[in-house]
């Protein structure tokens, strides 16, 4: 399962970088989404996949079982999702304002008009 997820993560990183190198600002946003998803999956896989083992401590135990999932990567992913959503919302508003002001979403046209 980890091997399949490694290929998926690699494909998402590649698609994200390719999309961010395109000329359109909309494709830049799509690439940003791909990169944040790939980063979240990378943290998830690095934390280890332990199906059906929630990170819970039983009533008479001091620590969780050795086979239990590590809750730290899960908390990091939740934080990364919230931060990624905030960055994406800011980017969408910034690109909308740029399109309203300039009238194009082509990066080369933006550079020609600015200089």
PDB file of N, CA and C in Angstrom:
ATOM      1  N   UNK A   1       0.814  -1.193   0.000  1.00  0.00           N
ATOM      2  CA  UNK A   1       0.000   0.000   0.000  1.00  0.00           C
ATOM      3  C   UNK A   1       0.862   1.263   0.000  1.00  0.00           C
ATOM      4  N   UNK A   2       1.974   1.202   0.746  1.00  0.00           N
ATOM      5  CA  UNK A   2       2.862   2.358   0.788  1.00  0.00           C
ATOM      6  C   UNK A   2       3.479   2.647  -0.577  1.00  0.00           C
ATOM      7  N   UNK A   3       3.743   1.598  -1.354  1.00  0.00           N
ATOM      8  CA  UNK A   3       4.333   1.784  -2.676  1.00  0.00           C
ATOM      9  C   UNK A   3       3.364   2.498  -3.611  1.00  0.00           C
ATOM     10  N   UNK A   4       2.102   2.116  -3.566  1.00  0.00           N
ATOM     11  CA  UNK A   4       1.089   2.769  -4.403  1.00  0.00           C
ATOM     12  C   UNK A   4       0.954   4.236  -4.003  1.00  0.00           C
ATOM     13  N   UNK A   5       0.903   4.495  -2.707  1.00  0.00           N
ATOM     14  CA  UNK A   5       0.802   5.881  -2.243  1.00  0.00           C
ATOM     15  C   UNK A   5       2.044   6.689  -2.591  1.00  0.00           C
ATOM     16  N   UNK A   6       3.215   6.049  -2.611  1.00  0.00           N
ATOM     17  CA  UNK A   6       4.432   6.763  -3.008  1.00  0.00           C
ATOM     18  C   UNK A   6       4.351   7.212  -4.464  1.00  0.00           C
ATOM     19  N   UNK A   7       3.824   6.342  -5.335  1.00  0.00           N
ATOM     20  CA  UNK A   7       3.651   6.731  -6.735  1.00  0.00           C
ATOM     21  C   UNK A   7       2.597   7.828  -6.889  1.00  0.00           C
ATOM     22  N   UNK A   8       1.532   7.738  -6.108  1.00  0.00           N
ATOM     23  CA  UNK A   8       0.488   8.769  -6.159  1.00  0.00           C
ATOM     24  C   UNK A   8       1.044  10.116  -5.700  1.00  0.00           C
ATOM     25  N   UNK A   9       1.827  10.099  -4.629  1.00  0.00           N
ATOM     26  CA  UNK A   9       2.430  11.335  -4.122  1.00  0.00           C
ATOM     27  C   UNK A   9       3.385  11.925  -5.157  1.00  0.00           C
ATOM     28  N   UNK A  10       4.199  11.075  -5.768  1.00  0.00           N
ATOM     29  CA  UNK A  10       5.109  11.552  -6.810  1.00  0.00           C
ATOM     30  C   UNK A  10       4.364  12.146  -7.993  1.00  0.00           C
ATOM     31  N   UNK A  11       3.275  11.490  -8.397  1.00  0.00           N
ATOM     32  CA  UNK A  11       2.479  12.010  -9.509  1.00  0.00           C
ATOM     33  C   UNK A  11       1.824  13.343  -9.142  1.00  0.00           C
ATOM     34  N   UNK A  12       1.347  13.470  -7.916  1.00  0.00           N
ATOM     35  CA  UNK A  12       0.741  14.731  -7.487  1.00  0.00           C
ATOM     36  C   UNK A  12       1.772  15.854  -7.432  1.00  0.00           C
ATOM     37  N   UNK A  13       2.964  15.576  -6.930  1.00  0.00           N
ATOM     38  CA  UNK A  13       4.019  16.590  -6.922  1.00  0.00           C
ATOM     39  C   UNK A  13       4.384  17.005  -8.348  1.00  0.00           C
ATOM     40  N   UNK A  14       4.516  16.023  -9.240  1.00  0.00           N
ATOM     41  CA  UNK A  14       4.863  16.329 -10.629  1.00  0.00           C
ATOM     42  C   UNK A  14       3.762  17.139 -11.301  1.00  0.00           C
ATOM     43  N   UNK A  15       2.511  16.738 -11.114  1.00  0.00           N
ATOM     44  CA  UNK A  15       1.395  17.477 -11.717  1.00  0.00           C
ATOM     45  C   UNK A  15       1.287  18.879 -11.134  1.00  0.00           C
ATOM     46  N   UNK A  16       1.552  19.006  -9.843  1.00  0.00           N
ATOM     47  CA  UNK A  16       1.511  20.326  -9.215  1.00  0.00           C
ATOM     48  C   UNK A  16       2.594  21.254  -9.736  1.00  0.00           C
ATOM     49  N   UNK A  17       3.789  20.743  -9.861  1.00  0.00           N
ATOM     50  CA  UNK A  17       4.875  21.573 -10.388  1.00  0.00           C
ATOM     51  C   UNK A  17       4.637  21.928 -11.843  1.00  0.00           C
ATOM     52  N   UNK A  18       4.144  20.976 -12.627  1.00  0.00           N
ATOM     53  CA  UNK A  18       3.849  21.242 -14.033  1.00  0.00           C
ATOM     54  C   UNK A  18       2.754  22.302 -14.158  1.00  0.00           C
ATOM     55  N   UNK A  19       1.720  22.186 -13.338  1.00  0.00           N
ATOM     56  CA  UNK A  19       0.628  23.160 -13.400  1.00  0.00           C
ATOM     57  C   UNK A  19       1.085  24.543 -12.957  1.00  0.00           C
ATOM     58  N   UNK A  20       1.978  24.609 -11.997  1.00  0.00           N
ATOM     59  CA  UNK A  20       2.445  25.912 -11.521  1.00  0.00           C
ATOM     60  C   UNK A  20       3.371  26.587 -12.530  1.00  0.00           C
ATOM     61  N   UNK A  21       3.949  25.828 -13.442  1.00  0.00           N
ATOM     62  CA  UNK A  21       4.827  26.404 -14.455  1.00  0.00           C
ATOM     63  C   UNK A  21       4.080  26.828 -15.715  1.00  0.00           C
ATOM     64  N   UNK A  22       2.787  26.632 -15.761  1.00  0.00           N
ATOM     65  CA  UNK A  22       1.986  27.035 -16.911  1.00  0.00           C
ATOM     66  C   UNK A  22       1.777  28.546 -16.900  1.00  0.00           C
ATOM     67  N   UNK A  23       1.195  29.097 -17.972  1.00  0.00           N
ATOM     68  CA  UNK A  23       1.053  30.542 -18.106  1.00  0.00           C
ATOM     69  C   UNK A  23      -0.193  31.100 -17.441  1.00  0.00           C
ATOM     70  N   UNK A  24      -1.163  30.291 -17.125  1.00  0.00           N
ATOM     71  CA  UNK A  24      -2.421  30.771 -16.595  1.00  0.00           C
ATOM     72  C   UNK A  24      -2.391  30.810 -15.067  1.00  0.00           C
ATOM     73  N   UNK A  25      -3.016  31.830 -14.509  1.00  0.00           N
ATOM     74  CA  UNK A  25      -3.086  31.930 -13.055  1.00  0.00           C
ATOM     75  C   UNK A  25      -4.026  30.884 -12.463  1.00  0.00           C
ATOM     76  N   UNK A  26      -5.044  30.468 -13.218  1.00  0.00           N
ATOM     77  CA  UNK A  26      -5.949  29.422 -12.740  1.00  0.00           C
ATOM     78  C   UNK A  26      -5.194  28.102 -12.601  1.00  0.00           C
ATOM     79  N   UNK A  27      -4.315  27.819 -13.552  1.00  0.00           N
ATOM     80  CA  UNK A  27      -3.514  26.601 -13.463  1.00  0.00           C
ATOM     81  C   UNK A  27      -2.515  26.687 -12.313  1.00  0.00           C
ATOM     82  N   UNK A  28      -2.111  27.882 -11.955  1.00  0.00           N
ATOM     83  CA  UNK A  28      -1.261  28.071 -10.789  1.00  0.00           C
ATOM     84  C   UNK A  28      -1.997  27.646  -9.523  1.00  0.00           C
ATOM     85  N   UNK A  29      -3.272  27.993  -9.420  1.00  0.00           N
ATOM     86  CA  UNK A  29      -4.069  27.594  -8.257  1.00  0.00           C
ATOM     87  C   UNK A  29      -4.240  26.076  -8.217  1.00  0.00           C
ATOM     88  N   UNK A  30      -4.500  25.474  -9.376  1.00  0.00           N
ATOM     89  CA  UNK A  30      -4.652  24.013  -9.438  1.00  0.00           C
ATOM     90  C   UNK A  30      -3.354  23.332  -9.014  1.00  0.00           C
ATOM     91  N   UNK A  31      -2.220  23.860  -9.446  1.00  0.00           N
ATOM     92  CA  UNK A  31      -0.935  23.312  -9.024  1.00  0.00           C
ATOM     93  C   UNK A  31      -0.708  23.456  -7.534  1.00  0.00           C
ATOM     94  N   UNK A  32      -1.146  24.569  -6.975  1.00  0.00           N
ATOM     95  CA  UNK A  32      -1.027  24.781  -5.528  1.00  0.00           C
ATOM     96  C   UNK A  32      -1.870  23.768  -4.758  1.00  0.00           C
ATOM     97  N   UNK A  33      -3.045  23.464  -5.270  1.00  0.00           N
ATOM     98  CA  UNK A  33      -3.898  22.448  -4.639  1.00  0.00           C
ATOM     99  C   UNK A  33      -3.227  21.074  -4.696  1.00  0.00           C
ATOM    100  N   UNK A  34      -2.666  20.729  -5.867  1.00  0.00           N
ATOM    101  CA  UNK A  34      -1.977  19.441  -6.000  1.00  0.00           C
ATOM    102  C   UNK A  34      -0.794  19.332  -5.042  1.00  0.00           C
ATOM    103  N   UNK A  35      -0.020  20.415  -4.934  1.00  0.00           N
ATOM    104  CA  UNK A  35       1.148  20.378  -4.050  1.00  0.00           C
ATOM    105  C   UNK A  35       0.748  20.235  -2.588  1.00  0.00           C
ATOM    106  N   UNK A  36      -0.292  20.927  -2.154  1.00  0.00           N
ATOM    107  CA  UNK A  36      -0.708  20.806  -0.753  1.00  0.00           C
ATOM    108  C   UNK A  36      -1.267  19.416  -0.471  1.00  0.00           C
ATOM    109  N   UNK A  37      -1.989  18.841  -1.423  1.00  0.00           N
ATOM    110  CA  UNK A  37      -2.503  17.483  -1.240  1.00  0.00           C
ATOM    111  C   UNK A  37      -1.362  16.471  -1.185  1.00  0.00           C
ATOM    112  N   UNK A  38      -0.376  16.648  -2.043  1.00  0.00           N
ATOM    113  CA  UNK A  38       0.775  15.738  -2.036  1.00  0.00           C
ATOM    114  C   UNK A  38       1.552  15.855  -0.730  1.00  0.00           C
ATOM    115  N   UNK A  39       1.708  17.066  -0.234  1.00  0.00           N
ATOM    116  CA  UNK A  39       2.396  17.243   1.049  1.00  0.00           C
ATOM    117  C   UNK A  39       1.649  16.590   2.195  1.00  0.00           C
ATOM    118  N   UNK A  40       0.328  16.709   2.197  1.00  0.00           N
ATOM    119  CA  UNK A  40      -0.471  16.070   3.247  1.00  0.00           C
ATOM    120  C   UNK A  40      -0.371  14.547   3.174  1.00  0.00           C
ATOM    121  N   UNK A  41      -0.420  14.005   1.972  1.00  0.00           N
ATOM    122  CA  UNK A  41      -0.277  12.559   1.823  1.00  0.00           C
ATOM    123  C   UNK A  41       1.120  12.086   2.230  1.00  0.00           C
ATOM    124  N   UNK A  42       2.122  12.897   1.950  1.00  0.00           N
ATOM    125  CA  UNK A  42       3.485  12.534   2.331  1.00  0.00           C
ATOM    126  C   UNK A  42       3.612  12.453   3.855  1.00  0.00           C
ATOM    127  N   UNK A  43       3.059  13.410   4.564  1.00  0.00           N
ATOM    128  CA  UNK A  43       3.090  13.364   6.031  1.00  0.00           C
ATOM    129  C   UNK A  43       2.316  12.152   6.541  1.00  0.00           C
ATOM    130  N   UNK A  44       1.184  11.868   5.899  1.00  0.00           N
ATOM    131  CA  UNK A  44       0.357  10.732   6.309  1.00  0.00           C
ATOM    132  C   UNK A  44       1.095   9.416   6.156  1.00  0.00           C
ATOM    133  N   UNK A  45       1.759   9.228   5.014  1.00  0.00           N
ATOM    134  CA  UNK A  45       2.478   7.979   4.770  1.00  0.00           C
ATOM    135  C   UNK A  45       3.728   7.901   5.641  1.00  0.00           C
ATOM    136  N   UNK A  46       4.399   9.026   5.872  1.00  0.00           N
ATOM    137  CA  UNK A  46       5.597   9.016   6.714  1.00  0.00           C
ATOM    138  C   UNK A  46       5.259   8.655   8.159  1.00  0.00           C
ATOM    139  N   UNK A  47       4.040   8.958   8.583  1.00  0.00           N
ATOM    140  CA  UNK A  47       3.614   8.614   9.936  1.00  0.00           C
ATOM    141  C   UNK A  47       3.346   7.136  10.115  1.00  0.00           C
ATOM    142  N   UNK A  48       3.234   6.408   9.040  1.00  0.00           N
ATOM    143  CA  UNK A  48       2.982   4.966   9.112  1.00  0.00           C
ATOM    144  C   UNK A  48       1.503   4.661   8.977  1.00  0.00           C
ATOM    145  N   UNK A  49       1.222   3.634   8.205  1.00  0.00           N
ATOM    146  CA  UNK A  49      -0.161   3.223   8.002  1.00  0.00           C
ATOM    147  C   UNK A  49      -0.470   2.064   8.935  1.00  0.00           C
ATOM    148  N   UNK A  50      -1.356   2.288   9.880  1.00  0.00           N
ATOM    149  CA  UNK A  50      -1.783   1.244  10.805  1.00  0.00           C
ATOM    150  C   UNK A  50      -3.304   1.194  10.786  1.00  0.00           C
ATOM    151  N   UNK A  51      -3.876   0.374   9.911  1.00  0.00           N
ATOM    152  CA  UNK A  51      -5.325   0.313   9.830  1.00  0.00           C
ATOM    153  C   UNK A  51      -5.952  -0.344  11.060  1.00  0.00           C
ATOM    154  N   UNK A  52      -7.107   0.140  11.440  1.00  0.00           N
ATOM    155  CA  UNK A  52      -7.904  -0.418  12.538  1.00  0.00           C
ATOM    156  C   UNK A  52      -7.177  -0.389  13.882  1.00  0.00           C
ATOM    157  N   UNK A  53      -6.292   0.588  14.076  1.00  0.00           N
ATOM    158  CA  UNK A  53      -5.613   0.738  15.362  1.00  0.00           C
ATOM    159  C   UNK A  53      -5.661   2.208  15.784  1.00  0.00           C
ATOM    160  N   UNK A  54      -6.763   2.647  16.357  1.00  0.00           N
ATOM    161  CA  UNK A  54      -6.856   4.056  16.739  1.00  0.00           C
ATOM    162  C   UNK A  54      -5.898   4.371  17.885  1.00  0.00           C
ATOM    163  N   UNK A  55      -5.415   5.616  17.961  1.00  0.00           N
ATOM    164  CA  UNK A  55      -4.471   5.984  19.027  1.00  0.00           C
ATOM    165  C   UNK A  55      -5.183   6.265  20.345  1.00  0.00           C
ATOM    166  N   UNK A  56      -5.798   5.253  20.905  1.00  0.00           N
ATOM    167  CA  UNK A  56      -6.530   5.391  22.163  1.00  0.00           C
ATOM    168  C   UNK A  56      -5.828   4.607  23.259  1.00  0.00           C
ATOM    169  N   UNK A  57      -5.868   5.134  24.483  1.00  0.00           N
ATOM    170  CA  UNK A  57      -5.296   4.455  25.636  1.00  0.00           C
ATOM    171  C   UNK A  57      -6.444   3.768  26.371  1.00  0.00           C
ATOM    172  N   UNK A  58      -6.290   2.486  26.617  1.00  0.00           N
ATOM    173  CA  UNK A  58      -7.334   1.731  27.299  1.00  0.00           C
ATOM    174  C   UNK A  58      -7.434   2.157  28.762  1.00  0.00           C
ATOM    175  N   UNK A  59      -8.456   1.721  29.454  1.00  0.00           N
ATOM    176  CA  UNK A  59      -8.764   2.196  30.807  1.00  0.00           C
ATOM    177  C   UNK A  59      -7.655   1.908  31.812  1.00  0.00           C
ATOM    178  N   UNK A  60      -7.039   0.748  31.794  1.00  0.00           N
ATOM    179  CA  UNK A  60      -6.049   0.388  32.812  1.00  0.00           C
ATOM    180  C   UNK A  60      -4.616   0.439  32.306  1.00  0.00           C
ATOM    181  N   UNK A  61      -4.390   1.108  31.177  1.00  0.00           N
ATOM    182  CA  UNK A  61      -3.050   1.204  30.615  1.00  0.00           C
ATOM    183  C   UNK A  61      -2.515   2.619  30.795  1.00  0.00           C
ATOM    184  N   UNK A  62      -1.201   2.737  30.826  1.00  0.00           N
ATOM    185  CA  UNK A  62      -0.551   4.040  30.943  1.00  0.00           C
ATOM    186  C   UNK A  62      -0.283   4.666  29.573  1.00  0.00           C
ATOM    187  N   UNK A  63       0.077   3.827  28.600  1.00  0.00           N
ATOM    188  CA  UNK A  63       0.371   4.294  27.247  1.00  0.00           C
ATOM    189  C   UNK A  63      -0.422   3.470  26.250  1.00  0.00           C
ATOM    190  N   UNK A  64      -0.502   3.972  25.026  1.00  0.00           N
ATOM    191  CA  UNK A  64      -1.210   3.245  23.977  1.00  0.00           C
ATOM    192  C   UNK A  64      -0.415   2.015  23.553  1.00  0.00           C
ATOM    193  N   UNK A  65      -1.091   1.081  22.941  1.00  0.00           N
ATOM    194  CA  UNK A  65      -0.428  -0.133  22.471  1.00  0.00           C
ATOM    195  C   UNK A  65       0.607   0.210  21.404  1.00  0.00           C
ATOM    196  N   UNK A  66       1.581  -0.668  21.242  1.00  0.00           N
ATOM    197  CA  UNK A  66       2.666  -0.417  20.287  1.00  0.00           C
ATOM    198  C   UNK A  66       2.158  -0.395  18.850  1.00  0.00           C
ATOM    199  N   UNK A  67       1.072  -1.092  18.580  1.00  0.00           N
ATOM    200  CA  UNK A  67       0.550  -1.143  17.213  1.00  0.00           C
ATOM    201  C   UNK A  67      -0.405   0.010  16.914  1.00  0.00           C
ATOM    202  N   UNK A  68      -0.620   0.881  17.864  1.00  0.00           N
ATOM    203  CA  UNK A  68      -1.566   1.991  17.661  1.00  0.00           C
ATOM    204  C   UNK A  68      -0.969   3.035  16.722  1.00  0.00           C
ATOM    205  N   UNK A  69      -1.849   3.738  16.045  1.00  0.00           N
ATOM    206  CA  UNK A  69      -1.417   4.785  15.122  1.00  0.00           C
ATOM    207  C   UNK A  69      -0.847   5.972  15.888  1.00  0.00           C
ATOM    208  N   UNK A  70       0.112   6.637  15.291  1.00  0.00           N
ATOM    209  CA  UNK A  70       0.719   7.823  15.893  1.00  0.00           C
ATOM    210  C   UNK A  70      -0.191   9.031  15.623  1.00  0.00           C
ATOM    211  N   UNK A  71      -0.664   9.721  16.660  1.00  0.00           N
ATOM    212  CA  UNK A  71      -1.589  10.834  16.426  1.00  0.00           C
ATOM    213  C   UNK A  71      -0.904  12.117  15.947  1.00  0.00           C
ATOM    214  N   UNK A  72       0.409  12.232  16.086  1.00  0.00           N
ATOM    215  CA  UNK A  72       1.098  13.459  15.698  1.00  0.00           C
ATOM    216  C   UNK A  72       1.004  13.752  14.199  1.00  0.00           C
ATOM    217  N   UNK A  73       1.260  12.792  13.295  1.00  0.00           N
ATOM    218  CA  UNK A  73       1.089  13.095  11.870  1.00  0.00           C
ATOM    219  C   UNK A  73      -0.349  13.470  11.517  1.00  0.00           C
ATOM    220  N   UNK A  74      -1.310  12.876  12.187  1.00  0.00           N
ATOM    221  CA  UNK A  74      -2.707  13.213  11.931  1.00  0.00           C
ATOM    222  C   UNK A  74      -2.993  14.654  12.328  1.00  0.00           C
ATOM    223  N   UNK A  75      -2.466  15.081  13.459  1.00  0.00           N
ATOM    224  CA  UNK A  75      -2.653  16.467  13.883  1.00  0.00           C
ATOM    225  C   UNK A  75      -1.924  17.426  12.948  1.00  0.00           C
ATOM    226  N   UNK A  76      -0.733  17.032  12.477  1.00  0.00           N
ATOM    227  CA  UNK A  76      -0.001  17.880  11.538  1.00  0.00           C
ATOM    228  C   UNK A  76      -0.749  18.018  10.220  1.00  0.00           C
ATOM    229  N   UNK A  77      -1.382  16.947   9.760  1.00  0.00           N
ATOM    230  CA  UNK A  77      -2.145  17.011   8.520  1.00  0.00           C
ATOM    231  C   UNK A  77      -3.348  17.917   8.684  1.00  0.00           C
ATOM    232  N   UNK A  78      -4.045  17.824   9.807  1.00  0.00           N
ATOM    233  CA  UNK A  78      -5.184  18.717  10.039  1.00  0.00           C
ATOM    234  C   UNK A  78      -4.747  20.173  10.036  1.00  0.00           C
ATOM    235  N   UNK A  79      -3.623  20.453  10.657  1.00  0.00           N
ATOM    236  CA  UNK A  79      -3.103  21.819  10.658  1.00  0.00           C
ATOM    237  C   UNK A  79      -2.713  22.251   9.251  1.00  0.00           C
ATOM    238  N   UNK A  80      -2.085  21.363   8.502  1.00  0.00           N
ATOM    239  CA  UNK A  80      -1.683  21.692   7.128  1.00  0.00           C
ATOM    240  C   UNK A  80      -2.895  21.927   6.230  1.00  0.00           C
ATOM    241  N   UNK A  81      -3.975  21.194   6.451  1.00  0.00           N
ATOM    242  CA  UNK A  81      -5.187  21.402   5.662  1.00  0.00           C
ATOM    243  C   UNK A  81      -5.758  22.784   5.925  1.00  0.00           C
ATOM    244  N   UNK A  82      -5.800  23.192   7.188  1.00  0.00           N
ATOM    245  CA  UNK A  82      -6.339  24.514   7.527  1.00  0.00           C
ATOM    246  C   UNK A  82      -5.455  25.622   6.950  1.00  0.00           C
ATOM    247  N   UNK A  83      -4.158  25.491   7.085  1.00  0.00           N
ATOM    248  CA  UNK A  83      -3.248  26.504   6.550  1.00  0.00           C
ATOM    249  C   UNK A  83      -3.322  26.530   5.022  1.00  0.00           C
ATOM    250  N   UNK A  84      -3.371  25.359   4.401  1.00  0.00           N
ATOM    251  CA  UNK A  84      -3.488  25.294   2.951  1.00  0.00           C
ATOM    252  C   UNK A  84      -4.776  25.927   2.446  1.00  0.00           C
ATOM    253  N   UNK A  85      -5.868  25.731   3.167  1.00  0.00           N
ATOM    254  CA  UNK A  85      -7.136  26.346   2.778  1.00  0.00           C
ATOM    255  C   UNK A  85      -7.055  27.863   2.880  1.00  0.00           C
ATOM    256  N   UNK A  86      -6.411  28.363   3.930  1.00  0.00           N
ATOM    257  CA  UNK A  86      -6.248  29.813   4.068  1.00  0.00           C
ATOM    258  C   UNK A  86      -5.400  30.414   2.959  1.00  0.00           C
ATOM    259  N   UNK A  87      -4.308  29.746   2.626  1.00  0.00           N
ATOM    260  CA  UNK A  87      -3.449  30.222   1.538  1.00  0.00           C
ATOM    261  C   UNK A  87      -4.189  30.168   0.210  1.00  0.00           C
ATOM    262  N   UNK A  88      -4.954  29.108  -0.006  1.00  0.00           N
ATOM    263  CA  UNK A  88      -5.717  28.977  -1.245  1.00  0.00           C
ATOM    264  C   UNK A  88      -6.789  30.061  -1.355  1.00  0.00           C
ATOM    265  N   UNK A  89      -7.480  30.348  -0.257  1.00  0.00           N
ATOM    266  CA  UNK A  89      -8.499  31.400  -0.281  1.00  0.00           C
ATOM    267  C   UNK A  89      -7.867  32.756  -0.578  1.00  0.00           C
ATOM    268  N   UNK A  90      -6.725  33.044   0.045  1.00  0.00           N
ATOM    269  CA  UNK A  90      -6.031  34.306  -0.216  1.00  0.00           C
ATOM    270  C   UNK A  90      -5.590  34.391  -1.672  1.00  0.00           C
ATOM    271  N   UNK A  91      -5.073  33.275  -2.209  1.00  0.00           N
ATOM    272  CA  UNK A  91      -4.621  33.257  -3.598  1.00  0.00           C
ATOM    273  C   UNK A  91      -5.783  33.469  -4.558  1.00  0.00           C
ATOM    274  N   UNK A  92      -6.929  32.862  -4.277  1.00  0.00           N
ATOM    275  CA  UNK A  92      -8.098  33.047  -5.132  1.00  0.00           C
ATOM    276  C   UNK A  92      -8.549  34.506  -5.152  1.00  0.00           C
ATOM    277  N   UNK A  93      -8.585  35.143  -3.993  1.00  0.00           N
ATOM    278  CA  UNK A  93      -8.993  36.544  -3.933  1.00  0.00           C
ATOM    279  C   UNK A  93      -7.977  37.430  -4.642  1.00  0.00           C
ATOM    280  N   UNK A  94      -6.706  37.152  -4.463  1.00  0.00           N
ATOM    281  CA  UNK A  94      -5.660  37.941  -5.109  1.00  0.00           C
ATOM    282  C   UNK A  94      -5.726  37.804  -6.628  1.00  0.00           C
ATOM    283  N   UNK A  95      -5.946  36.603  -7.124  1.00  0.00           N
ATOM    284  CA  UNK A  95      -6.024  36.399  -8.562  1.00  0.00           C
ATOM    285  C   UNK A  95      -7.306  37.006  -9.130  1.00  0.00           C
ATOM    286  N   UNK A  96      -8.398  36.931  -8.394  1.00  0.00           N
ATOM    287  CA  UNK A  96      -9.637  37.566  -8.852  1.00  0.00           C
ATOM    288  C   UNK A  96      -9.452  39.074  -8.978  1.00  0.00           C
ATOM    289  N   UNK A  97      -8.800  39.669  -7.995  1.00  0.00           N
ATOM    290  CA  UNK A  97      -8.556  41.114  -8.034  1.00  0.00           C
ATOM    291  C   UNK A  97      -7.594  41.475  -9.177  1.00  0.00           C
ATOM    292  N   UNK A  98      -6.610  40.649  -9.408  1.00  0.00           N
ATOM    293  CA  UNK A  98      -5.679  40.885 -10.512  1.00  0.00           C
ATOM    294  C   UNK A  98      -6.400  40.806 -11.848  1.00  0.00           C
ATOM    295  N   UNK A  99      -7.281  39.820 -12.000  1.00  0.00           N
ATOM    296  CA  UNK A  99      -8.018  39.674 -13.245  1.00  0.00           C
ATOM    297  C   UNK A  99      -8.964  40.862 -13.466  1.00  0.00           C
ATOM    298  N   UNK A 100      -9.595  41.330 -12.379  1.00  0.00           N
ATOM    299  CA  UNK A 100     -10.481  42.493 -12.507  1.00  0.00           C
ATOM    300  C   UNK A 100      -9.710  43.743 -12.902  1.00  0.00           C
ATOM    301  N   UNK A 101      -8.523  43.914 -12.354  1.00  0.00           N
ATOM    302  CA  UNK A 101      -7.730  45.111 -12.624  1.00  0.00           C
ATOM    303  C   UNK A 101      -7.103  45.072 -14.012  1.00  0.00           C
ATOM    304  N   UNK A 102      -6.491  43.964 -14.366  1.00  0.00           N
ATOM    305  CA  UNK A 102      -5.724  43.881 -15.600  1.00  0.00           C
ATOM    306  C   UNK A 102      -6.563  43.346 -16.759  1.00  0.00           C
ATOM    307  N   UNK A 103      -7.454  42.417 -16.498  1.00  0.00           N
ATOM    308  CA  UNK A 103      -8.305  41.877 -17.541  1.00  0.00           C
ATOM    309  C   UNK A 103      -7.787  40.614 -18.190  1.00  0.00           C
ATOM    310  N   UNK A 104      -6.741  40.026 -17.650  1.00  0.00           N
ATOM    311  CA  UNK A 104      -6.201  38.779 -18.195  1.00  0.00           C
ATOM    312  C   UNK A 104      -5.654  37.932 -17.058  1.00  0.00           C
ATOM    313  N   UNK A 105      -5.562  36.624 -17.321  1.00  0.00           N
ATOM    314  CA  UNK A 105      -4.938  35.745 -16.329  1.00  0.00           C
ATOM    315  C   UNK A 105      -3.652  35.130 -16.865  1.00  0.00           C
ATOM    316  N   UNK A 106      -3.177  35.616 -18.006  1.00  0.00           N
ATOM    317  CA  UNK A 106      -1.937  35.145 -18.599  1.00  0.00           C
ATOM    318  C   UNK A 106      -0.755  35.829 -17.924  1.00  0.00           C
ATOM    319  N   UNK A 107       0.183  35.052 -17.436  1.00  0.00           N
ATOM    320  CA  UNK A 107       1.301  35.608 -16.670  1.00  0.00           C
ATOM    321  C   UNK A 107       2.212  36.443 -17.559  1.00  0.00           C
ATOM    322  N   UNK A 108       2.427  36.017 -18.809  1.00  0.00           N
ATOM    323  CA  UNK A 108       3.276  36.800 -19.707  1.00  0.00           C
ATOM    324  C   UNK A 108       2.659  38.158 -20.012  1.00  0.00           C
ATOM    325  N   UNK A 109       1.353  38.211 -20.204  1.00  0.00           N
ATOM    326  CA  UNK A 109       0.682  39.499 -20.418  1.00  0.00           C
ATOM    327  C   UNK A 109       0.786  40.397 -19.201  1.00  0.00           C
ATOM    328  N   UNK A 110       0.703  39.804 -18.014  1.00  0.00           N
ATOM    329  CA  UNK A 110       0.849  40.590 -16.790  1.00  0.00           C
ATOM    330  C   UNK A 110       2.243  41.190 -16.685  1.00  0.00           C
ATOM    331  N   UNK A 111       3.251  40.429 -17.057  1.00  0.00           N
ATOM    332  CA  UNK A 111       4.622  40.937 -17.000  1.00  0.00           C
ATOM    333  C   UNK A 111       4.841  42.046 -18.012  1.00  0.00           C
ATOM    334  N   UNK A 112       4.275  41.923 -19.209  1.00  0.00           N
ATOM    335  CA  UNK A 112       4.419  42.976 -20.230  1.00  0.00           C
ATOM    336  C   UNK A 112       3.723  44.253 -19.818  1.00  0.00           C
ATOM    337  N   UNK A 113       2.571  44.148 -19.186  1.00  0.00           N
ATOM    338  CA  UNK A 113       1.824  45.339 -18.766  1.00  0.00           C
ATOM    339  C   UNK A 113       2.460  46.012 -17.557  1.00  0.00           C
ATOM    340  N   UNK A 114       3.137  45.211 -16.732  1.00  0.00           N
ATOM    341  CA  UNK A 114       3.740  45.784 -15.524  1.00  0.00           C
ATOM    342  C   UNK A 114       5.013  46.535 -15.841  1.00  0.00           C
ATOM    343  N   UNK A 115       5.802  46.044 -16.774  1.00  0.00           N
ATOM    344  CA  UNK A 115       7.089  46.675 -17.060  1.00  0.00           C
ATOM    345  C   UNK A 115       6.977  47.494 -18.266  1.00  0.00           C
TER     346      UNK A 115
END
